Amino acid sequence: MDQSVENETTKNNYKNIIEEIQKKSPATKIYIQSMLPINNELNGSKVSSETIVELNTYLKNLSSDYDNCEFIDLYPHFQVNGQMNTDYTNDGTHLNGQGYLLWKEQIQDFVNG
């Protein structure tokens, strides 16, 4: 999540993308993944865990407003005390190999379903 992009802009972008997909391809199943936590100690970001949790709550509610739209909550699997678990990142923002393996495990049932 880019600090320079306001939460409201991000929310509107998600809504517009979902509506566009449903308009042009109504049978398409849409999966919305939660935002992952970040680790402020590693990356120096000013984005708070509260901001990410707020956005995830919005995305979960948004997904329930549309047919063929499902929310995948990855956040709890990657966080420790509201920060990205250092086992899954080297820089506090991006996943490392272990992080991608966990991500794959968490979405596999949705992808293969």
PDB file of N, CA and C in Angstrom:
ATOM      1  N   MET A   1       0.850  -1.174   0.000  1.00  0.00           N
ATOM      2  CA  MET A   1       0.000   0.000   0.000  1.00  0.00           C
ATOM      3  C   MET A   1       0.894   1.234   0.000  1.00  0.00           C
ATOM      4  N   ASP A   2       0.655   2.090  -0.909  1.00  0.00           N
ATOM      5  CA  ASP A   2       1.437   3.312  -1.052  1.00  0.00           C
ATOM      6  C   ASP A   2       0.929   4.349  -0.056  1.00  0.00           C
ATOM      7  N   GLN A   3       1.825   4.871   0.772  1.00  0.00           N
ATOM      8  CA  GLN A   3       1.440   5.865   1.777  1.00  0.00           C
ATOM      9  C   GLN A   3       0.832   7.111   1.161  1.00  0.00           C
ATOM     10  N   SER A   4       1.214   7.415  -0.065  1.00  0.00           N
ATOM     11  CA  SER A   4       0.741   8.651  -0.688  1.00  0.00           C
ATOM     12  C   SER A   4      -0.688   8.523  -1.225  1.00  0.00           C
ATOM     13  N   VAL A   5      -1.198   7.305  -1.295  1.00  0.00           N
ATOM     14  CA  VAL A   5      -2.561   7.093  -1.784  1.00  0.00           C
ATOM     15  C   VAL A   5      -3.486   7.009  -0.574  1.00  0.00           C
ATOM     16  N   GLU A   6      -4.467   7.864  -0.546  1.00  0.00           N
ATOM     17  CA  GLU A   6      -5.411   7.888   0.557  1.00  0.00           C
ATOM     18  C   GLU A   6      -6.240   6.606   0.593  1.00  0.00           C
ATOM     19  N   ASN A   7      -6.651   6.216   1.799  1.00  0.00           N
ATOM     20  CA  ASN A   7      -7.482   5.026   1.967  1.00  0.00           C
ATOM     21  C   ASN A   7      -8.763   5.119   1.135  1.00  0.00           C
ATOM     22  N   GLU A   8      -9.373   6.293   1.083  1.00  0.00           N
ATOM     23  CA  GLU A   8     -10.619   6.451   0.323  1.00  0.00           C
ATOM     24  C   GLU A   8     -10.386   6.217  -1.166  1.00  0.00           C
ATOM     25  N   THR A   9      -9.264   6.650  -1.670  1.00  0.00           N
ATOM     26  CA  THR A   9      -8.931   6.407  -3.074  1.00  0.00           C
ATOM     27  C   THR A   9      -8.775   4.914  -3.325  1.00  0.00           C
ATOM     28  N   THR A  10      -8.083   4.238  -2.431  1.00  0.00           N
ATOM     29  CA  THR A  10      -7.904   2.791  -2.559  1.00  0.00           C
ATOM     30  C   THR A  10      -9.255   2.087  -2.531  1.00  0.00           C
ATOM     31  N   LYS A  11     -10.113   2.477  -1.613  1.00  0.00           N
ATOM     32  CA  LYS A  11     -11.450   1.871  -1.509  1.00  0.00           C
ATOM     33  C   LYS A  11     -12.239   2.075  -2.799  1.00  0.00           C
ATOM     34  N   ASN A  12     -12.236   3.286  -3.315  1.00  0.00           N
ATOM     35  CA  ASN A  12     -12.960   3.574  -4.558  1.00  0.00           C
ATOM     36  C   ASN A  12     -12.388   2.789  -5.728  1.00  0.00           C
ATOM     37  N   ASN A  13     -11.074   2.652  -5.771  1.00  0.00           N
ATOM     38  CA  ASN A  13     -10.451   1.877  -6.846  1.00  0.00           C
ATOM     39  C   ASN A  13     -10.902   0.421  -6.812  1.00  0.00           C
ATOM     40  N   TYR A  14     -10.925  -0.184  -5.641  1.00  0.00           N
ATOM     41  CA  TYR A  14     -11.393  -1.571  -5.522  1.00  0.00           C
ATOM     42  C   TYR A  14     -12.834  -1.695  -6.007  1.00  0.00           C
ATOM     43  N   LYS A  15     -13.685  -0.796  -5.542  1.00  0.00           N
ATOM     44  CA  LYS A  15     -15.097  -0.837  -5.932  1.00  0.00           C
ATOM     45  C   LYS A  15     -15.246  -0.696  -7.443  1.00  0.00           C
ATOM     46  N   ASN A  16     -14.542   0.237  -8.039  1.00  0.00           N
ATOM     47  CA  ASN A  16     -14.627   0.446  -9.485  1.00  0.00           C
ATOM     48  C   ASN A  16     -14.129  -0.764 -10.271  1.00  0.00           C
ATOM     49  N   ILE A  17     -13.068  -1.378  -9.810  1.00  0.00           N
ATOM     50  CA  ILE A  17     -12.536  -2.562 -10.495  1.00  0.00           C
ATOM     51  C   ILE A  17     -13.538  -3.709 -10.432  1.00  0.00           C
ATOM     52  N   ILE A  18     -14.123  -3.946  -9.260  1.00  0.00           N
ATOM     53  CA  ILE A  18     -15.118  -5.019  -9.127  1.00  0.00           C
ATOM     54  C   ILE A  18     -16.293  -4.759 -10.056  1.00  0.00           C
ATOM     55  N   GLU A  19     -16.794  -3.543 -10.055  1.00  0.00           N
ATOM     56  CA  GLU A  19     -17.952  -3.220 -10.892  1.00  0.00           C
ATOM     57  C   GLU A  19     -17.634  -3.374 -12.376  1.00  0.00           C
ATOM     58  N   GLU A  20     -16.443  -3.000 -12.771  1.00  0.00           N
ATOM     59  CA  GLU A  20     -16.046  -3.136 -14.175  1.00  0.00           C
ATOM     60  C   GLU A  20     -15.945  -4.612 -14.576  1.00  0.00           C
ATOM     61  N   ILE A  21     -15.359  -5.421 -13.725  1.00  0.00           N
ATOM     62  CA  ILE A  21     -15.257  -6.861 -14.017  1.00  0.00           C
ATOM     63  C   ILE A  21     -16.645  -7.472 -14.098  1.00  0.00           C
ATOM     64  N   GLN A  22     -17.510  -7.128 -13.144  1.00  0.00           N
ATOM     65  CA  GLN A  22     -18.850  -7.718 -13.155  1.00  0.00           C
ATOM     66  C   GLN A  22     -19.672  -7.252 -14.351  1.00  0.00           C
ATOM     67  N   LYS A  23     -19.445  -6.036 -14.791  1.00  0.00           N
ATOM     68  CA  LYS A  23     -20.163  -5.526 -15.958  1.00  0.00           C
ATOM     69  C   LYS A  23     -19.709  -6.244 -17.230  1.00  0.00           C
ATOM     70  N   LYS A  24     -18.407  -6.407 -17.391  1.00  0.00           N
ATOM     71  CA  LYS A  24     -17.869  -6.975 -18.626  1.00  0.00           C
ATOM     72  C   LYS A  24     -17.797  -8.495 -18.621  1.00  0.00           C
ATOM     73  N   SER A  25     -17.779  -9.094 -17.433  1.00  0.00           N
ATOM     74  CA  SER A  25     -17.664 -10.549 -17.338  1.00  0.00           C
ATOM     75  C   SER A  25     -18.397 -11.033 -16.088  1.00  0.00           C
ATOM     76  N   PRO A  26     -19.738 -10.990 -16.111  1.00  0.00           N
ATOM     77  CA  PRO A  26     -20.526 -11.250 -14.908  1.00  0.00           C
ATOM     78  C   PRO A  26     -20.350 -12.645 -14.301  1.00  0.00           C
ATOM     79  N   ALA A  27     -19.901 -13.601 -15.070  1.00  0.00           N
ATOM     80  CA  ALA A  27     -19.721 -14.956 -14.535  1.00  0.00           C
ATOM     81  C   ALA A  27     -18.356 -15.162 -13.877  1.00  0.00           C
ATOM     82  N   THR A  28     -17.486 -14.177 -13.982  1.00  0.00           N
ATOM     83  CA  THR A  28     -16.139 -14.303 -13.426  1.00  0.00           C
ATOM     84  C   THR A  28     -16.173 -14.263 -11.905  1.00  0.00           C
ATOM     85  N   LYS A  29     -15.522 -15.238 -11.279  1.00  0.00           N
ATOM     86  CA  LYS A  29     -15.380 -15.268  -9.824  1.00  0.00           C
ATOM     87  C   LYS A  29     -14.245 -14.316  -9.446  1.00  0.00           C
ATOM     88  N   ILE A  30     -14.528 -13.436  -8.501  1.00  0.00           N
ATOM     89  CA  ILE A  30     -13.546 -12.447  -8.061  1.00  0.00           C
ATOM     90  C   ILE A  30     -13.108 -12.783  -6.636  1.00  0.00           C
ATOM     91  N   TYR A  31     -11.812 -12.848  -6.447  1.00  0.00           N
ATOM     92  CA  TYR A  31     -11.245 -13.055  -5.117  1.00  0.00           C
ATOM     93  C   TYR A  31     -10.525 -11.783  -4.701  1.00  0.00           C
ATOM     94  N   ILE A  32     -10.906 -11.262  -3.560  1.00  0.00           N
ATOM     95  CA  ILE A  32     -10.233 -10.098  -3.003  1.00  0.00           C
ATOM     96  C   ILE A  32      -9.405 -10.580  -1.823  1.00  0.00           C
ATOM     97  N   GLN A  33      -8.114 -10.384  -1.914  1.00  0.00           N
ATOM     98  CA  GLN A  33      -7.236 -10.756  -0.816  1.00  0.00           C
ATOM     99  C   GLN A  33      -7.039  -9.559   0.102  1.00  0.00           C
ATOM    100  N   SER A  34      -6.996  -9.849   1.389  1.00  0.00           N
ATOM    101  CA  SER A  34      -6.725  -8.782   2.344  1.00  0.00           C
ATOM    102  C   SER A  34      -5.339  -8.205   2.103  1.00  0.00           C
ATOM    103  N   MET A  35      -5.161  -6.994   2.552  1.00  0.00           N
ATOM    104  CA  MET A  35      -3.832  -6.402   2.565  1.00  0.00           C
ATOM    105  C   MET A  35      -3.024  -7.151   3.611  1.00  0.00           C
ATOM    106  N   LEU A  36      -1.772  -7.365   3.325  1.00  0.00           N
ATOM    107  CA  LEU A  36      -0.895  -8.007   4.299  1.00  0.00           C
ATOM    108  C   LEU A  36      -0.365  -6.958   5.270  1.00  0.00           C
ATOM    109  N   PRO A  37       0.001  -7.390   6.471  1.00  0.00           N
ATOM    110  CA  PRO A  37       0.634  -6.436   7.380  1.00  0.00           C
ATOM    111  C   PRO A  37       1.993  -6.019   6.831  1.00  0.00           C
ATOM    112  N   ILE A  38       2.519  -4.956   7.369  1.00  0.00           N
ATOM    113  CA  ILE A  38       3.891  -4.556   7.066  1.00  0.00           C
ATOM    114  C   ILE A  38       4.646  -4.540   8.388  1.00  0.00           C
ATOM    115  N   ASN A  39       5.939  -4.458   8.310  1.00  0.00           N
ATOM    116  CA  ASN A  39       6.746  -4.375   9.522  1.00  0.00           C
ATOM    117  C   ASN A  39       7.453  -3.025   9.523  1.00  0.00           C
ATOM    118  N   ASN A  40       6.906  -2.107  10.314  1.00  0.00           N
ATOM    119  CA  ASN A  40       7.420  -0.734  10.349  1.00  0.00           C
ATOM    120  C   ASN A  40       8.859  -0.655  10.857  1.00  0.00           C
ATOM    121  N   GLU A  41       9.246  -1.596  11.698  1.00  0.00           N
ATOM    122  CA  GLU A  41      10.618  -1.576  12.219  1.00  0.00           C
ATOM    123  C   GLU A  41      11.626  -1.866  11.107  1.00  0.00           C
ATOM    124  N   LEU A  42      11.234  -2.714  10.160  1.00  0.00           N
ATOM    125  CA  LEU A  42      12.141  -3.064   9.067  1.00  0.00           C
ATOM    126  C   LEU A  42      12.106  -2.066   7.919  1.00  0.00           C
ATOM    127  N   ASN A  43      10.915  -1.527   7.619  1.00  0.00           N
ATOM    128  CA  ASN A  43      10.819  -0.681   6.423  1.00  0.00           C
ATOM    129  C   ASN A  43      10.662   0.808   6.711  1.00  0.00           C
ATOM    130  N   GLY A  44      10.470   1.174   7.962  1.00  0.00           N
ATOM    131  CA  GLY A  44      10.359   2.590   8.308  1.00  0.00           C
ATOM    132  C   GLY A  44       9.084   3.261   7.837  1.00  0.00           C
ATOM    133  N   SER A  45       8.098   2.475   7.410  1.00  0.00           N
ATOM    134  CA  SER A  45       6.846   3.025   6.893  1.00  0.00           C
ATOM    135  C   SER A  45       6.046   3.684   8.006  1.00  0.00           C
ATOM    136  N   LYS A  46       5.251   4.665   7.625  1.00  0.00           N
ATOM    137  CA  LYS A  46       4.364   5.319   8.568  1.00  0.00           C
ATOM    138  C   LYS A  46       2.936   4.784   8.458  1.00  0.00           C
ATOM    139  N   VAL A  47       2.708   3.808   7.591  1.00  0.00           N
ATOM    140  CA  VAL A  47       1.382   3.201   7.472  1.00  0.00           C
ATOM    141  C   VAL A  47       1.140   2.378   8.730  1.00  0.00           C
ATOM    142  N   SER A  48       0.044   2.645   9.415  1.00  0.00           N
ATOM    143  CA  SER A  48      -0.233   1.949  10.671  1.00  0.00           C
ATOM    144  C   SER A  48      -0.966   0.640  10.422  1.00  0.00           C
ATOM    145  N   SER A  49      -0.833  -0.262  11.384  1.00  0.00           N
ATOM    146  CA  SER A  49      -1.576  -1.520  11.289  1.00  0.00           C
ATOM    147  C   SER A  49      -3.072  -1.237  11.344  1.00  0.00           C
ATOM    148  N   GLU A  50      -3.473  -0.183  12.050  1.00  0.00           N
ATOM    149  CA  GLU A  50      -4.891   0.180  12.115  1.00  0.00           C
ATOM    150  C   GLU A  50      -5.428   0.557  10.737  1.00  0.00           C
ATOM    151  N   THR A  51      -4.615   1.252   9.956  1.00  0.00           N
ATOM    152  CA  THR A  51      -5.016   1.630   8.597  1.00  0.00           C
ATOM    153  C   THR A  51      -5.230   0.388   7.744  1.00  0.00           C
ATOM    154  N   ILE A  52      -4.339  -0.576   7.864  1.00  0.00           N
ATOM    155  CA  ILE A  52      -4.459  -1.812   7.087  1.00  0.00           C
ATOM    156  C   ILE A  52      -5.671  -2.610   7.545  1.00  0.00           C
ATOM    157  N   VAL A  53      -5.886  -2.709   8.854  1.00  0.00           N
ATOM    158  CA  VAL A  53      -7.047  -3.435   9.384  1.00  0.00           C
ATOM    159  C   VAL A  53      -8.341  -2.764   8.928  1.00  0.00           C
ATOM    160  N   GLU A  54      -8.376  -1.432   8.940  1.00  0.00           N
ATOM    161  CA  GLU A  54      -9.562  -0.701   8.478  1.00  0.00           C
ATOM    162  C   GLU A  54      -9.846  -1.006   7.006  1.00  0.00           C
ATOM    163  N   LEU A  55      -8.818  -0.980   6.196  1.00  0.00           N
ATOM    164  CA  LEU A  55      -8.996  -1.274   4.779  1.00  0.00           C
ATOM    165  C   LEU A  55      -9.454  -2.716   4.588  1.00  0.00           C
ATOM    166  N   ASN A  56      -8.901  -3.642   5.344  1.00  0.00           N
ATOM    167  CA  ASN A  56      -9.315  -5.040   5.229  1.00  0.00           C
ATOM    168  C   ASN A  56     -10.774  -5.236   5.622  1.00  0.00           C
ATOM    169  N   THR A  57     -11.221  -4.535   6.645  1.00  0.00           N
ATOM    170  CA  THR A  57     -12.632  -4.604   7.036  1.00  0.00           C
ATOM    171  C   THR A  57     -13.510  -4.094   5.902  1.00  0.00           C
ATOM    172  N   TYR A  58     -13.110  -2.998   5.295  1.00  0.00           N
ATOM    173  CA  TYR A  58     -13.846  -2.462   4.152  1.00  0.00           C
ATOM    174  C   TYR A  58     -13.889  -3.480   3.013  1.00  0.00           C
ATOM    175  N   LEU A  59     -12.754  -4.087   2.688  1.00  0.00           N
ATOM    176  CA  LEU A  59     -12.696  -5.048   1.582  1.00  0.00           C
ATOM    177  C   LEU A  59     -13.568  -6.267   1.856  1.00  0.00           C
ATOM    178  N   LYS A  60     -13.578  -6.720   3.089  1.00  0.00           N
ATOM    179  CA  LYS A  60     -14.431  -7.859   3.456  1.00  0.00           C
ATOM    180  C   LYS A  60     -15.899  -7.501   3.254  1.00  0.00           C
ATOM    181  N   ASN A  61     -16.300  -6.343   3.734  1.00  0.00           N
ATOM    182  CA  ASN A  61     -17.687  -5.896   3.569  1.00  0.00           C
ATOM    183  C   ASN A  61     -18.022  -5.657   2.101  1.00  0.00           C
ATOM    184  N   LEU A  62     -17.101  -5.068   1.372  1.00  0.00           N
ATOM    185  CA  LEU A  62     -17.312  -4.812  -0.053  1.00  0.00           C
ATOM    186  C   LEU A  62     -17.539  -6.115  -0.811  1.00  0.00           C
ATOM    187  N   SER A  63     -16.749  -7.110  -0.524  1.00  0.00           N
ATOM    188  CA  SER A  63     -16.878  -8.380  -1.249  1.00  0.00           C
ATOM    189  C   SER A  63     -18.240  -9.017  -1.022  1.00  0.00           C
ATOM    190  N   SER A  64     -18.827  -8.796   0.142  1.00  0.00           N
ATOM    191  CA  SER A  64     -20.145  -9.387   0.415  1.00  0.00           C
ATOM    192  C   SER A  64     -21.270  -8.653  -0.313  1.00  0.00           C
ATOM    193  N   ASP A  65     -20.981  -7.483  -0.852  1.00  0.00           N
ATOM    194  CA  ASP A  65     -21.988  -6.705  -1.584  1.00  0.00           C
ATOM    195  C   ASP A  65     -22.181  -7.165  -3.028  1.00  0.00           C
ATOM    196  N   TYR A  66     -21.314  -8.048  -3.499  1.00  0.00           N
ATOM    197  CA  TYR A  66     -21.339  -8.439  -4.907  1.00  0.00           C
ATOM    198  C   TYR A  66     -21.444  -9.954  -5.054  1.00  0.00           C
ATOM    199  N   ASP A  67     -22.166 -10.368  -6.098  1.00  0.00           N
ATOM    200  CA  ASP A  67     -22.220 -11.785  -6.446  1.00  0.00           C
ATOM    201  C   ASP A  67     -20.862 -12.206  -6.990  1.00  0.00           C
ATOM    202  N   ASN A  68     -20.537 -13.458  -6.794  1.00  0.00           N
ATOM    203  CA  ASN A  68     -19.283 -14.032  -7.316  1.00  0.00           C
ATOM    204  C   ASN A  68     -18.038 -13.325  -6.798  1.00  0.00           C
ATOM    205  N   CYS A  69     -18.121 -12.768  -5.605  1.00  0.00           N
ATOM    206  CA  CYS A  69     -16.984 -12.061  -5.027  1.00  0.00           C
ATOM    207  C   CYS A  69     -16.714 -12.641  -3.635  1.00  0.00           C
ATOM    208  N   GLU A  70     -15.478 -13.042  -3.400  1.00  0.00           N
ATOM    209  CA  GLU A  70     -15.129 -13.670  -2.127  1.00  0.00           C
ATOM    210  C   GLU A  70     -13.866 -13.034  -1.548  1.00  0.00           C
ATOM    211  N   PHE A  71     -13.894 -12.832  -0.239  1.00  0.00           N
ATOM    212  CA  PHE A  71     -12.775 -12.225   0.480  1.00  0.00           C
ATOM    213  C   PHE A  71     -11.892 -13.319   1.068  1.00  0.00           C
ATOM    214  N   ILE A  72     -10.589 -13.194   0.879  1.00  0.00           N
ATOM    215  CA  ILE A  72      -9.616 -14.121   1.455  1.00  0.00           C
ATOM    216  C   ILE A  72      -8.812 -13.338   2.488  1.00  0.00           C
ATOM    217  N   ASP A  73      -8.989 -13.688   3.750  1.00  0.00           N
ATOM    218  CA  ASP A  73      -8.326 -12.952   4.826  1.00  0.00           C
ATOM    219  C   ASP A  73      -6.967 -13.566   5.139  1.00  0.00           C
ATOM    220  N   LEU A  74      -5.936 -12.985   4.568  1.00  0.00           N
ATOM    221  CA  LEU A  74      -4.566 -13.454   4.765  1.00  0.00           C
ATOM    222  C   LEU A  74      -3.892 -12.793   5.967  1.00  0.00           C
ATOM    223  N   TYR A  75      -4.359 -11.638   6.351  1.00  0.00           N
ATOM    224  CA  TYR A  75      -3.707 -10.819   7.375  1.00  0.00           C
ATOM    225  C   TYR A  75      -3.338 -11.596   8.641  1.00  0.00           C
ATOM    226  N   PRO A  76      -4.278 -12.351   9.244  1.00  0.00           N
ATOM    227  CA  PRO A  76      -3.926 -13.004  10.515  1.00  0.00           C
ATOM    228  C   PRO A  76      -2.820 -14.050  10.393  1.00  0.00           C
ATOM    229  N   HIS A  77      -2.630 -14.591   9.233  1.00  0.00           N
ATOM    230  CA  HIS A  77      -1.620 -15.629   9.035  1.00  0.00           C
ATOM    231  C   HIS A  77      -0.209 -15.055   8.942  1.00  0.00           C
ATOM    232  N   PHE A  78      -0.102 -13.772   8.670  1.00  0.00           N
ATOM    233  CA  PHE A  78       1.200 -13.148   8.441  1.00  0.00           C
ATOM    234  C   PHE A  78       1.631 -12.188   9.547  1.00  0.00           C
ATOM    235  N   GLN A  79       0.765 -11.892  10.490  1.00  0.00           N
ATOM    236  CA  GLN A  79       1.080 -10.850  11.464  1.00  0.00           C
ATOM    237  C   GLN A  79       1.418 -11.412  12.841  1.00  0.00           C
ATOM    238  N   VAL A  80       2.246 -10.662  13.542  1.00  0.00           N
ATOM    239  CA  VAL A  80       2.524 -10.860  14.960  1.00  0.00           C
ATOM    240  C   VAL A  80       2.436  -9.476  15.593  1.00  0.00           C
ATOM    241  N   ASN A  81       1.497  -9.316  16.512  1.00  0.00           N
ATOM    242  CA  ASN A  81       1.295  -8.019  17.170  1.00  0.00           C
ATOM    243  C   ASN A  81       1.095  -6.884  16.166  1.00  0.00           C
ATOM    244  N   GLY A  82       0.354  -7.165  15.107  1.00  0.00           N
ATOM    245  CA  GLY A  82       0.018  -6.143  14.118  1.00  0.00           C
ATOM    246  C   GLY A  82       1.114  -5.829  13.119  1.00  0.00           C
ATOM    247  N   GLN A  83       2.221  -6.530  13.179  1.00  0.00           N
ATOM    248  CA  GLN A  83       3.350  -6.304  12.270  1.00  0.00           C
ATOM    249  C   GLN A  83       3.592  -7.564  11.443  1.00  0.00           C
ATOM    250  N   MET A  84       4.112  -7.395  10.242  1.00  0.00           N
ATOM    251  CA  MET A  84       4.481  -8.545   9.422  1.00  0.00           C
ATOM    252  C   MET A  84       5.502  -9.385  10.191  1.00  0.00           C
ATOM    253  N   ASN A  85       5.215 -10.668  10.306  1.00  0.00           N
ATOM    254  CA  ASN A  85       6.132 -11.602  10.957  1.00  0.00           C
ATOM    255  C   ASN A  85       7.449 -11.604  10.185  1.00  0.00           C
ATOM    256  N   THR A  86       8.550 -11.414  10.886  1.00  0.00           N
ATOM    257  CA  THR A  86       9.855 -11.331  10.225  1.00  0.00           C
ATOM    258  C   THR A  86      10.282 -12.653   9.597  1.00  0.00           C
ATOM    259  N   ASP A  87       9.579 -13.740   9.913  1.00  0.00           N
ATOM    260  CA  ASP A  87       9.860 -15.011   9.234  1.00  0.00           C
ATOM    261  C   ASP A  87       9.466 -14.948   7.762  1.00  0.00           C
ATOM    262  N   TYR A  88       8.561 -14.015   7.413  1.00  0.00           N
ATOM    263  CA  TYR A  88       7.978 -13.985   6.075  1.00  0.00           C
ATOM    264  C   TYR A  88       8.411 -12.790   5.224  1.00  0.00           C
ATOM    265  N   THR A  89       9.340 -11.993   5.720  1.00  0.00           N
ATOM    266  CA  THR A  89       9.795 -10.818   4.974  1.00  0.00           C
ATOM    267  C   THR A  89      11.251 -10.515   5.303  1.00  0.00           C
ATOM    268  N   ASN A  90      11.936  -9.924   4.362  1.00  0.00           N
ATOM    269  CA  ASN A  90      13.300  -9.455   4.618  1.00  0.00           C
ATOM    270  C   ASN A  90      13.355  -7.942   4.782  1.00  0.00           C
ATOM    271  N   ASP A  91      12.362  -7.259   4.177  1.00  0.00           N
ATOM    272  CA  ASP A  91      12.389  -5.796   4.189  1.00  0.00           C
ATOM    273  C   ASP A  91      11.186  -5.159   4.877  1.00  0.00           C
ATOM    274  N   GLY A  92      10.279  -5.976   5.409  1.00  0.00           N
ATOM    275  CA  GLY A  92       9.122  -5.449   6.116  1.00  0.00           C
ATOM    276  C   GLY A  92       7.918  -5.180   5.240  1.00  0.00           C
ATOM    277  N   THR A  93       8.081  -5.284   3.935  1.00  0.00           N
ATOM    278  CA  THR A  93       6.993  -5.014   2.997  1.00  0.00           C
ATOM    279  C   THR A  93       6.717  -6.209   2.092  1.00  0.00           C
ATOM    280  N   HIS A  94       7.754  -6.735   1.481  1.00  0.00           N
ATOM    281  CA  HIS A  94       7.608  -7.793   0.480  1.00  0.00           C
ATOM    282  C   HIS A  94       7.834  -9.165   1.104  1.00  0.00           C
ATOM    283  N   LEU A  95       7.109 -10.149   0.590  1.00  0.00           N
ATOM    284  CA  LEU A  95       7.276 -11.513   1.085  1.00  0.00           C
ATOM    285  C   LEU A  95       8.615 -12.082   0.647  1.00  0.00           C
ATOM    286  N   ASN A  96       9.166 -12.935   1.496  1.00  0.00           N
ATOM    287  CA  ASN A  96      10.349 -13.715   1.116  1.00  0.00           C
ATOM    288  C   ASN A  96       9.876 -15.117   0.707  1.00  0.00           C
ATOM    289  N   GLY A  97      10.784 -16.042   0.507  1.00  0.00           N
ATOM    290  CA  GLY A  97      10.413 -17.389   0.080  1.00  0.00           C
ATOM    291  C   GLY A  97       9.426 -18.056   1.015  1.00  0.00           C
ATOM    292  N   GLN A  98       9.685 -17.985   2.325  1.00  0.00           N
ATOM    293  CA  GLN A  98       8.767 -18.577   3.297  1.00  0.00           C
ATOM    294  C   GLN A  98       7.404 -17.905   3.238  1.00  0.00           C
ATOM    295  N   GLY A  99       7.406 -16.611   3.051  1.00  0.00           N
ATOM    296  CA  GLY A  99       6.154 -15.868   2.962  1.00  0.00           C
ATOM    297  C   GLY A  99       5.324 -16.290   1.764  1.00  0.00           C
ATOM    298  N   TYR A 100       5.983 -16.473   0.628  1.00  0.00           N
ATOM    299  CA  TYR A 100       5.256 -16.916  -0.566  1.00  0.00           C
ATOM    300  C   TYR A 100       4.722 -18.333  -0.407  1.00  0.00           C
ATOM    301  N   LEU A 101       5.444 -19.181   0.303  1.00  0.00           N
ATOM    302  CA  LEU A 101       4.938 -20.537   0.558  1.00  0.00           C
ATOM    303  C   LEU A 101       3.681 -20.486   1.422  1.00  0.00           C
ATOM    304  N   LEU A 102       3.689 -19.649   2.454  1.00  0.00           N
ATOM    305  CA  LEU A 102       2.500 -19.504   3.298  1.00  0.00           C
ATOM    306  C   LEU A 102       1.346 -18.922   2.495  1.00  0.00           C
ATOM    307  N   TRP A 103       1.617 -17.914   1.691  1.00  0.00           N
ATOM    308  CA  TRP A 103       0.583 -17.308   0.843  1.00  0.00           C
ATOM    309  C   TRP A 103      -0.033 -18.365  -0.069  1.00  0.00           C
ATOM    310  N   LYS A 104       0.808 -19.174  -0.694  1.00  0.00           N
ATOM    311  CA  LYS A 104       0.332 -20.244  -1.575  1.00  0.00           C
ATOM    312  C   LYS A 104      -0.569 -21.209  -0.815  1.00  0.00           C
ATOM    313  N   GLU A 105      -0.154 -21.598   0.381  1.00  0.00           N
ATOM    314  CA  GLU A 105      -0.968 -22.505   1.192  1.00  0.00           C
ATOM    315  C   GLU A 105      -2.332 -21.903   1.497  1.00  0.00           C
ATOM    316  N   GLN A 106      -2.367 -20.627   1.798  1.00  0.00           N
ATOM    317  CA  GLN A 106      -3.610 -19.974   2.199  1.00  0.00           C
ATOM    318  C   GLN A 106      -4.590 -19.782   1.042  1.00  0.00           C
ATOM    319  N   ILE A 107      -4.092 -19.614  -0.167  1.00  0.00           N
ATOM    320  CA  ILE A 107      -5.013 -19.382  -1.291  1.00  0.00           C
ATOM    321  C   ILE A 107      -5.270 -20.634  -2.121  1.00  0.00           C
ATOM    322  N   GLN A 108      -4.528 -21.695  -1.853  1.00  0.00           N
ATOM    323  CA  GLN A 108      -4.593 -22.891  -2.695  1.00  0.00           C
ATOM    324  C   GLN A 108      -6.009 -23.453  -2.832  1.00  0.00           C
ATOM    325  N   ASP A 109      -6.741 -23.544  -1.732  1.00  0.00           N
ATOM    326  CA  ASP A 109      -8.098 -24.088  -1.806  1.00  0.00           C
ATOM    327  C   ASP A 109      -9.015 -23.215  -2.656  1.00  0.00           C
ATOM    328  N   PHE A 110      -8.803 -21.912  -2.622  1.00  0.00           N
ATOM    329  CA  PHE A 110      -9.618 -21.013  -3.439  1.00  0.00           C
ATOM    330  C   PHE A 110      -9.289 -21.185  -4.920  1.00  0.00           C
ATOM    331  N   VAL A 111      -8.018 -21.287  -5.224  1.00  0.00           N
ATOM    332  CA  VAL A 111      -7.568 -21.414  -6.610  1.00  0.00           C
ATOM    333  C   VAL A 111      -7.988 -22.755  -7.198  1.00  0.00           C
ATOM    334  N   ASN A 112      -7.863 -23.800  -6.407  1.00  0.00           N
ATOM    335  CA  ASN A 112      -8.176 -25.147  -6.895  1.00  0.00           C
ATOM    336  C   ASN A 112      -9.643 -25.499  -6.758  1.00  0.00           C
ATOM    337  N   GLY A 113     -10.389 -24.687  -5.997  1.00  0.00           N
ATOM    338  CA  GLY A 113     -11.778 -24.977  -5.676  1.00  0.00           C
ATOM    339  C   GLY A 113     -12.653 -25.054  -6.843  1.00  0.00           C
TER     340      GLY A 113
END
